[in-house]
């Protein structure tokens, strides 16, 4: 098919998928139905030409032709309140507030905070969002140590890290530890009896 990712690599994923679906619909409608009926049934997206560098790029300006999700829960972000002071979102926010000096965050500290977010179970996008919220408040002149109610509400918009079940045991780790302890005891007994 003439429509491939390499040719349209400058488009974001949603625009590429929309154009790809449109191309599929056009080729199927040309094969199956007369041209007049296909024009009446399909809704064409509005396009607008945009100048990017030296190339003229086609840009989608209307996404009304895309199908809405059948599951409404997918469209709304899940807001989970921060109740635990050990919640990864809160820990990252406090660490970010501690790292800010004169309203600025150094690049090295920023990278460390993103790594900390990953260790806490947050996605890189959520980690970046939390860091940006705290830095933005610091740049506005709000003391990062005094997180306001609005900041708290913005932090709750990010998805919490996945919780591990409390009763789940890593049996591989337990088995390997037991085996290692048995080998150490066997070596100690062997050395003791050789004397």
C-alpha atoms as a PDB file:
ATOM      1  CA  UNK A   1       0.000   0.000   0.000  1.00  0.00           C
ATOM      2  CA  UNK A   2       1.248   3.503  -0.776  1.00  0.00           C
ATOM      3  CA  UNK A   3       0.592   4.571   2.811  1.00  0.00           C
ATOM      4  CA  UNK A   4       3.522   3.710   5.051  1.00  0.00           C
ATOM      5  CA  UNK A   5       5.027   5.069   8.270  1.00  0.00           C
ATOM      6  CA  UNK A   6       8.330   6.097   6.687  1.00  0.00           C
ATOM      7  CA  UNK A   7       6.625   8.420   4.239  1.00  0.00           C
ATOM      8  CA  UNK A   8       4.459  10.057   6.913  1.00  0.00           C
ATOM      9  CA  UNK A   9       6.890   9.867   9.837  1.00  0.00           C
ATOM     10  CA  UNK A  10       6.387  13.524  10.718  1.00  0.00           C
ATOM     11  CA  UNK A  11       2.782  12.880  11.842  1.00  0.00           C
ATOM     12  CA  UNK A  12       1.933  11.961  15.396  1.00  0.00           C
ATOM     13  CA  UNK A  13       0.357   8.549  16.045  1.00  0.00           C
ATOM     14  CA  UNK A  14      -3.275   9.713  16.108  1.00  0.00           C
ATOM     15  CA  UNK A  15      -2.973  11.631  12.847  1.00  0.00           C
ATOM     16  CA  UNK A  16      -1.137   8.736  11.191  1.00  0.00           C
ATOM     17  CA  UNK A  17      -3.787   6.236  12.321  1.00  0.00           C
ATOM     18  CA  UNK A  18      -6.566   8.529  11.107  1.00  0.00           C
ATOM     19  CA  UNK A  19      -4.949   8.931   7.694  1.00  0.00           C
ATOM     20  CA  UNK A  20      -4.245   5.206   7.487  1.00  0.00           C
ATOM     21  CA  UNK A  21      -7.876   4.355   8.297  1.00  0.00           C
ATOM     22  CA  UNK A  22      -9.053   6.916   5.768  1.00  0.00           C
ATOM     23  CA  UNK A  23      -6.815   5.397   3.102  1.00  0.00           C
ATOM     24  CA  UNK A  24      -8.170   1.918   3.882  1.00  0.00           C
ATOM     25  CA  UNK A  25     -11.756   3.163   3.700  1.00  0.00           C
ATOM     26  CA  UNK A  26     -11.096   4.867   0.376  1.00  0.00           C
ATOM     27  CA  UNK A  27      -9.557   1.771  -1.218  1.00  0.00           C
ATOM     28  CA  UNK A  28     -12.319  -0.489   0.115  1.00  0.00           C
ATOM     29  CA  UNK A  29     -15.098   1.854  -0.965  1.00  0.00           C
ATOM     30  CA  UNK A  30     -13.649   2.144  -4.474  1.00  0.00           C
ATOM     31  CA  UNK A  31     -13.633  -1.627  -4.797  1.00  0.00           C
ATOM     32  CA  UNK A  32     -17.023  -2.345  -3.214  1.00  0.00           C
ATOM     33  CA  UNK A  33     -19.376   0.570  -3.900  1.00  0.00           C
ATOM     34  CA  UNK A  34     -19.970   3.189  -6.562  1.00  0.00           C
ATOM     35  CA  UNK A  35     -18.136   6.477  -6.067  1.00  0.00           C
ATOM     36  CA  UNK A  36     -21.269   8.527  -5.333  1.00  0.00           C
ATOM     37  CA  UNK A  37     -22.412   6.321  -2.438  1.00  0.00           C
ATOM     38  CA  UNK A  38     -18.965   6.256  -0.839  1.00  0.00           C
ATOM     39  CA  UNK A  39     -18.799  10.078  -0.863  1.00  0.00           C
ATOM     40  CA  UNK A  40     -22.152  10.302   0.892  1.00  0.00           C
ATOM     41  CA  UNK A  41     -21.385   7.695   3.554  1.00  0.00           C
ATOM     42  CA  UNK A  42     -17.823   8.565   4.548  1.00  0.00           C
ATOM     43  CA  UNK A  43     -17.057  11.686   6.515  1.00  0.00           C
ATOM     44  CA  UNK A  44     -13.915  13.300   5.200  1.00  0.00           C
ATOM     45  CA  UNK A  45     -11.571  14.912   7.706  1.00  0.00           C
ATOM     46  CA  UNK A  46     -10.686  18.537   7.167  1.00  0.00           C
ATOM     47  CA  UNK A  47      -7.085  19.083   6.218  1.00  0.00           C
ATOM     48  CA  UNK A  48      -4.983  22.166   6.287  1.00  0.00           C
ATOM     49  CA  UNK A  49      -1.612  22.755   4.682  1.00  0.00           C
ATOM     50  CA  UNK A  50       1.140  23.791   7.044  1.00  0.00           C
ATOM     51  CA  UNK A  51       4.663  24.871   6.187  1.00  0.00           C
ATOM     52  CA  UNK A  52       7.275  22.868   8.104  1.00  0.00           C
ATOM     53  CA  UNK A  53      10.809  23.746   7.102  1.00  0.00           C
ATOM     54  CA  UNK A  54      10.945  23.425   3.334  1.00  0.00           C
ATOM     55  CA  UNK A  55       8.109  20.884   3.074  1.00  0.00           C
ATOM     56  CA  UNK A  56       4.426  21.556   2.913  1.00  0.00           C
ATOM     57  CA  UNK A  57       2.792  19.141   5.330  1.00  0.00           C
ATOM     58  CA  UNK A  58      -0.809  18.020   5.528  1.00  0.00           C
ATOM     59  CA  UNK A  59      -2.233  18.585   8.996  1.00  0.00           C
ATOM     60  CA  UNK A  60      -5.522  17.257  10.356  1.00  0.00           C
ATOM     61  CA  UNK A  61      -7.676  20.031  11.764  1.00  0.00           C
ATOM     62  CA  UNK A  62     -10.891  18.143  12.429  1.00  0.00           C
ATOM     63  CA  UNK A  63     -11.062  14.844  14.281  1.00  0.00           C
ATOM     64  CA  UNK A  64     -14.860  14.456  14.156  1.00  0.00           C
ATOM     65  CA  UNK A  65     -14.537  11.486  11.803  1.00  0.00           C
ATOM     66  CA  UNK A  66     -12.757   9.438  14.468  1.00  0.00           C
ATOM     67  CA  UNK A  67     -14.886   7.023  16.446  1.00  0.00           C
ATOM     68  CA  UNK A  68     -15.393   7.762  20.114  1.00  0.00           C
ATOM     69  CA  UNK A  69     -14.393   5.134  22.602  1.00  0.00           C
ATOM     70  CA  UNK A  70     -17.149   2.705  23.504  1.00  0.00           C
ATOM     71  CA  UNK A  71     -15.861   2.584  27.054  1.00  0.00           C
ATOM     72  CA  UNK A  72     -16.412   6.015  28.676  1.00  0.00           C
ATOM     73  CA  UNK A  73     -14.027   5.176  31.529  1.00  0.00           C
ATOM     74  CA  UNK A  74     -11.137   5.250  29.065  1.00  0.00           C
ATOM     75  CA  UNK A  75     -11.834   8.883  28.200  1.00  0.00           C
ATOM     76  CA  UNK A  76     -11.783  10.233  31.742  1.00  0.00           C
ATOM     77  CA  UNK A  77      -8.579  10.229  33.785  1.00  0.00           C
ATOM     78  CA  UNK A  78      -8.766   8.273  37.000  1.00  0.00           C
ATOM     79  CA  UNK A  79      -8.392  10.634  39.939  1.00  0.00           C
ATOM     80  CA  UNK A  80      -7.057   8.733  42.913  1.00  0.00           C
ATOM     81  CA  UNK A  81      -6.617  10.781  46.071  1.00  0.00           C
ATOM     82  CA  UNK A  82      -3.247  10.815  47.786  1.00  0.00           C
ATOM     83  CA  UNK A  83      -3.986   9.399  51.239  1.00  0.00           C
ATOM     84  CA  UNK A  84      -0.657   7.823  52.098  1.00  0.00           C
ATOM     85  CA  UNK A  85       2.413  10.003  52.717  1.00  0.00           C
ATOM     86  CA  UNK A  86       4.442   7.188  51.124  1.00  0.00           C
ATOM     87  CA  UNK A  87       2.535   7.492  47.837  1.00  0.00           C
ATOM     88  CA  UNK A  88       5.055   7.751  44.991  1.00  0.00           C
ATOM     89  CA  UNK A  89       3.431  10.898  43.622  1.00  0.00           C
ATOM     90  CA  UNK A  90       3.748  12.679  46.950  1.00  0.00           C
ATOM     91  CA  UNK A  91       7.312  11.469  47.573  1.00  0.00           C
ATOM     92  CA  UNK A  92       8.405  12.698  44.137  1.00  0.00           C
ATOM     93  CA  UNK A  93       6.686  16.061  44.682  1.00  0.00           C
ATOM     94  CA  UNK A  94       8.413  16.571  48.038  1.00  0.00           C
ATOM     95  CA  UNK A  95      11.811  15.560  46.631  1.00  0.00           C
ATOM     96  CA  UNK A  96      11.295  17.950  43.721  1.00  0.00           C
ATOM     97  CA  UNK A  97      10.396  20.763  46.118  1.00  0.00           C
ATOM     98  CA  UNK A  98      13.571  20.058  48.099  1.00  0.00           C
ATOM     99  CA  UNK A  99      15.713  20.131  44.927  1.00  0.00           C
ATOM    100  CA  UNK A 100      14.548  23.527  43.672  1.00  0.00           C
ATOM    101  CA  UNK A 101      16.964  26.401  44.255  1.00  0.00           C
ATOM    102  CA  UNK A 102      15.875  29.978  43.489  1.00  0.00           C
ATOM    103  CA  UNK A 103      12.901  28.791  41.443  1.00  0.00           C
ATOM    104  CA  UNK A 104      15.068  26.658  39.135  1.00  0.00           C
ATOM    105  CA  UNK A 105      15.806  22.961  38.892  1.00  0.00           C
ATOM    106  CA  UNK A 106      19.249  21.898  37.690  1.00  0.00           C
ATOM    107  CA  UNK A 107      19.318  19.383  34.790  1.00  0.00           C
ATOM    108  CA  UNK A 108      21.271  16.796  36.829  1.00  0.00           C
ATOM    109  CA  UNK A 109      18.716  16.955  39.622  1.00  0.00           C
ATOM    110  CA  UNK A 110      15.915  16.758  37.073  1.00  0.00           C
ATOM    111  CA  UNK A 111      17.357  13.522  35.662  1.00  0.00           C
ATOM    112  CA  UNK A 112      17.734  12.097  39.169  1.00  0.00           C
ATOM    113  CA  UNK A 113      14.115  12.949  39.945  1.00  0.00           C
ATOM    114  CA  UNK A 114      12.901  11.188  36.784  1.00  0.00           C
ATOM    115  CA  UNK A 115      14.930   8.115  37.825  1.00  0.00           C
ATOM    116  CA  UNK A 116      13.432   8.351  41.318  1.00  0.00           C
ATOM    117  CA  UNK A 117       9.959   8.457  39.775  1.00  0.00           C
ATOM    118  CA  UNK A 118      10.764   5.292  37.834  1.00  0.00           C
ATOM    119  CA  UNK A 119      11.965   3.595  41.027  1.00  0.00           C
ATOM    120  CA  UNK A 120       8.734   4.650  42.742  1.00  0.00           C
ATOM    121  CA  UNK A 121       6.717   2.978  39.983  1.00  0.00           C
ATOM    122  CA  UNK A 122       5.611   6.107  38.125  1.00  0.00           C
ATOM    123  CA  UNK A 123       5.681   6.332  34.358  1.00  0.00           C
ATOM    124  CA  UNK A 124       8.170   8.811  32.867  1.00  0.00           C
ATOM    125  CA  UNK A 125       5.251  10.937  31.681  1.00  0.00           C
ATOM    126  CA  UNK A 126       3.706  11.111  35.166  1.00  0.00           C
ATOM    127  CA  UNK A 127       7.104  11.810  36.735  1.00  0.00           C
ATOM    128  CA  UNK A 128       7.687  14.648  34.289  1.00  0.00           C
ATOM    129  CA  UNK A 129       4.216  16.025  34.952  1.00  0.00           C
ATOM    130  CA  UNK A 130       4.711  16.062  38.726  1.00  0.00           C
ATOM    131  CA  UNK A 131       8.123  17.723  38.393  1.00  0.00           C
ATOM    132  CA  UNK A 132       6.673  20.350  36.042  1.00  0.00           C
ATOM    133  CA  UNK A 133       3.808  21.120  38.445  1.00  0.00           C
ATOM    134  CA  UNK A 134       6.180  21.774  41.344  1.00  0.00           C
ATOM    135  CA  UNK A 135       8.668  23.768  39.234  1.00  0.00           C
ATOM    136  CA  UNK A 136       5.841  25.866  37.775  1.00  0.00           C
ATOM    137  CA  UNK A 137       4.589  26.742  41.250  1.00  0.00           C
ATOM    138  CA  UNK A 138       8.127  27.641  42.315  1.00  0.00           C
ATOM    139  CA  UNK A 139       8.535  29.925  39.286  1.00  0.00           C
ATOM    140  CA  UNK A 140       5.283  31.685  40.188  1.00  0.00           C
ATOM    141  CA  UNK A 141       6.805  32.572  43.522  1.00  0.00           C
ATOM    142  CA  UNK A 142       4.969  29.995  45.613  1.00  0.00           C
ATOM    143  CA  UNK A 143       7.278  28.408  48.155  1.00  0.00           C
ATOM    144  CA  UNK A 144       7.673  24.765  47.047  1.00  0.00           C
ATOM    145  CA  UNK A 145       7.615  23.634  50.675  1.00  0.00           C
ATOM    146  CA  UNK A 146       4.091  25.074  51.008  1.00  0.00           C
ATOM    147  CA  UNK A 147       2.178  22.882  48.584  1.00  0.00           C
ATOM    148  CA  UNK A 148      -1.220  24.486  48.099  1.00  0.00           C
ATOM    149  CA  UNK A 149      -4.574  22.760  47.724  1.00  0.00           C
ATOM    150  CA  UNK A 150      -4.451  23.449  43.980  1.00  0.00           C
ATOM    151  CA  UNK A 151      -1.047  21.774  43.705  1.00  0.00           C
ATOM    152  CA  UNK A 152      -2.350  18.835  45.677  1.00  0.00           C
ATOM    153  CA  UNK A 153      -5.333  18.524  43.305  1.00  0.00           C
ATOM    154  CA  UNK A 154      -3.011  18.669  40.289  1.00  0.00           C
ATOM    155  CA  UNK A 155      -0.837  15.926  41.751  1.00  0.00           C
ATOM    156  CA  UNK A 156      -3.888  13.718  42.196  1.00  0.00           C
ATOM    157  CA  UNK A 157      -4.581  14.004  38.453  1.00  0.00           C
ATOM    158  CA  UNK A 158      -1.517  11.864  37.710  1.00  0.00           C
ATOM    159  CA  UNK A 159      -1.969   8.130  37.847  1.00  0.00           C
ATOM    160  CA  UNK A 160      -0.655   6.480  41.007  1.00  0.00           C
ATOM    161  CA  UNK A 161       2.019   3.804  40.808  1.00  0.00           C
ATOM    162  CA  UNK A 162       0.681   0.252  40.663  1.00  0.00           C
ATOM    163  CA  UNK A 163       0.334  -1.360  44.050  1.00  0.00           C
ATOM    164  CA  UNK A 164       1.867  -4.750  44.683  1.00  0.00           C
ATOM    165  CA  UNK A 165      -0.315  -7.223  46.556  1.00  0.00           C
ATOM    166  CA  UNK A 166       0.801  -7.384  50.177  1.00  0.00           C
ATOM    167  CA  UNK A 167       0.566 -11.164  50.565  1.00  0.00           C
ATOM    168  CA  UNK A 168       2.491 -12.092  47.455  1.00  0.00           C
ATOM    169  CA  UNK A 169       5.869 -13.699  48.137  1.00  0.00           C
ATOM    170  CA  UNK A 170       8.715 -13.899  45.667  1.00  0.00           C
ATOM    171  CA  UNK A 171       9.338 -17.639  45.982  1.00  0.00           C
ATOM    172  CA  UNK A 172      12.323 -17.600  43.644  1.00  0.00           C
ATOM    173  CA  UNK A 173      14.117 -15.173  45.972  1.00  0.00           C
ATOM    174  CA  UNK A 174      13.188 -17.272  49.023  1.00  0.00           C
ATOM    175  CA  UNK A 175      14.416 -20.464  47.343  1.00  0.00           C
ATOM    176  CA  UNK A 176      17.708 -18.962  46.202  1.00  0.00           C
ATOM    177  CA  UNK A 177      18.358 -17.480  49.658  1.00  0.00           C
ATOM    178  CA  UNK A 178      17.649 -20.835  51.310  1.00  0.00           C
ATOM    179  CA  UNK A 179      19.938 -22.648  48.871  1.00  0.00           C
ATOM    180  CA  UNK A 180      22.733 -20.133  49.458  1.00  0.00           C
ATOM    181  CA  UNK A 181      22.408 -20.474  53.252  1.00  0.00           C
ATOM    182  CA  UNK A 182      22.534 -24.281  52.978  1.00  0.00           C
ATOM    183  CA  UNK A 183      25.702 -24.092  50.847  1.00  0.00           C
ATOM    184  CA  UNK A 184      27.363 -21.763  53.372  1.00  0.00           C
ATOM    185  CA  UNK A 185      26.445 -24.103  56.260  1.00  0.00           C
ATOM    186  CA  UNK A 186      27.705 -27.124  54.316  1.00  0.00           C
ATOM    187  CA  UNK A 187      31.018 -25.362  53.593  1.00  0.00           C
ATOM    188  CA  UNK A 188      31.372 -24.376  57.273  1.00  0.00           C
ATOM    189  CA  UNK A 189      30.689 -27.950  58.446  1.00  0.00           C
ATOM    190  CA  UNK A 190      33.077 -29.364  55.861  1.00  0.00           C
ATOM    191  CA  UNK A 191      35.826 -26.960  56.997  1.00  0.00           C
ATOM    192  CA  UNK A 192      35.153 -27.782  60.669  1.00  0.00           C
ATOM    193  CA  UNK A 193      35.369 -31.567  60.161  1.00  0.00           C
ATOM    194  CA  UNK A 194      38.581 -31.308  58.103  1.00  0.00           C
ATOM    195  CA  UNK A 195      40.524 -29.897  61.041  1.00  0.00           C
END
